[in-house]
Protein backbone atom coordinates (compact mmCIF):
# COMPACT_ATOMS: atom_id res chain seq x y z
CA MET A 1 78.27 229.89 75.24
CA PRO A 2 81.52 228.05 76.04
CA ASN A 3 83.86 226.83 73.29
CA LYS A 4 82.90 223.36 72.12
CA ILE A 5 83.22 220.62 69.54
CA GLU A 6 80.00 219.12 68.22
CA ILE A 7 79.60 215.83 66.39
CA VAL A 8 76.92 216.44 63.77
CA SER A 9 75.24 214.45 61.02
CA PRO A 10 76.45 214.84 57.43
CA ASP A 11 73.23 216.75 56.64
CA GLU A 12 73.88 219.18 59.51
CA ALA A 13 77.51 219.53 58.40
CA ASP A 14 76.34 220.59 54.92
CA GLU A 15 75.01 223.76 56.57
CA ALA A 16 78.44 224.70 57.98
CA GLU A 17 79.95 228.11 57.23
CA CYS A 18 83.12 226.45 55.90
CA VAL A 19 85.29 223.36 55.90
CA ILE A 20 88.77 223.92 57.33
CA CYS A 21 91.40 222.24 55.17
CA ILE A 22 95.15 221.66 55.29
CA PRO A 23 97.23 223.39 52.62
CA LEU A 24 98.54 221.13 49.87
CA THR A 25 102.07 222.11 50.94
CA TYR A 26 101.73 219.53 53.76
CA PRO A 27 102.29 215.85 52.89
CA MET A 28 99.06 214.11 51.91
CA THR A 29 97.51 212.74 55.08
CA TYR A 30 95.54 210.04 53.21
CA PRO A 31 96.24 208.64 49.75
CA ASP A 32 92.65 209.24 48.64
CA ASN A 33 92.60 212.91 49.67
CA MET A 34 91.30 215.28 47.06
CA VAL A 35 92.62 218.69 46.06
CA GLY A 36 90.62 221.91 46.24
CA GLU A 37 91.08 225.64 46.55
CA CYS A 38 90.67 228.00 49.50
CA SER A 39 87.58 230.14 48.94
CA ARG A 40 89.34 233.10 50.58
CA CYS A 41 92.92 233.15 49.23
CA GLY A 42 92.93 230.60 46.41
CA ALA A 43 95.62 228.39 47.97
CA ALA A 44 95.67 224.72 46.98
CA LEU A 45 94.21 222.50 49.72
CA GLN A 46 93.84 218.82 50.49
CA HIS A 47 90.60 217.41 51.87
CA ARG A 48 88.80 214.15 52.42
CA PRO A 49 86.46 212.97 49.65
CA HIS A 50 83.42 213.00 51.96
CA ILE A 51 83.58 216.61 53.24
CA PRO A 52 80.41 218.65 53.70
CA ASN A 53 79.09 220.82 50.91
CA ALA A 54 80.50 224.09 52.28
CA PRO A 55 83.23 226.53 51.18
CA LEU A 56 86.80 225.31 51.70
CA VAL A 57 89.04 227.54 53.83
CA CYS A 58 92.73 227.00 54.59
CA VAL A 59 94.12 226.93 58.11
CA PRO A 60 96.12 230.18 57.64
CA CYS A 61 93.00 232.09 56.51
CA ILE A 62 90.68 230.80 59.25
CA THR A 63 93.10 230.90 62.22
CA PRO A 64 92.61 234.60 63.15
CA GLU A 65 88.83 234.13 63.15
CA LEU A 66 89.06 230.95 65.24
CA LEU A 67 91.36 232.60 67.78
CA GLU A 68 88.97 235.55 68.09
CA GLN A 69 85.97 233.25 68.61
CA GLN A 70 87.95 231.18 71.10
CA ALA A 71 88.91 234.27 73.11
CA LYS A 72 85.23 235.26 73.32
CA GLY A 73 84.18 231.73 74.29
CA ASP A 74 82.13 231.50 71.08
CA LEU A 75 84.12 228.86 69.18
CA VAL A 76 82.03 225.96 67.89
CA VAL A 77 83.75 223.35 65.73
CA GLN A 78 81.62 220.71 64.06
CA ILE A 79 82.84 217.31 62.93
CA THR A 80 81.00 214.35 61.41
CA PRO A 81 81.17 210.88 62.97
CA LYS A 82 83.09 209.59 59.92
CA THR A 83 85.71 212.33 60.20
CA ALA A 84 85.99 211.79 63.96
CA ALA A 85 86.62 208.07 63.36
CA GLU A 86 89.27 208.86 60.73
CA VAL A 87 91.05 211.29 63.07
CA GLU A 88 90.97 208.72 65.87
CA GLU A 89 92.43 206.02 63.60
CA TYR A 90 95.11 208.41 62.28
CA LEU A 91 96.18 209.35 65.81
CA ARG A 92 96.16 205.72 66.93
CA LYS A 93 98.48 204.72 64.05
CA LYS A 94 100.72 207.75 64.56
CA ASN A 95 101.11 207.08 68.29
CA ALA A 96 101.82 203.37 67.68
CA HIS A 97 105.06 204.20 65.88
């Protein structure tokens, strides 16, 4: 299977293995972001309030696994329509400046 990004429903997203989150050491991307903890290393994380019901994992912890899956062509990243819209809006605003 080739690497891919899938847009899935919130119910499908609740079945995800994990939710990849940005460490709290980065500036808050959105003012309503929430704070959580990486299920692997315990690092403080920021995440959107509407994330799926799956374990939180920080970017540093998940990166080796993602790179391995990518190299094999087995990487599948899932995103909900709401998150996709938020990312699109964020990038639009960032590129407008």
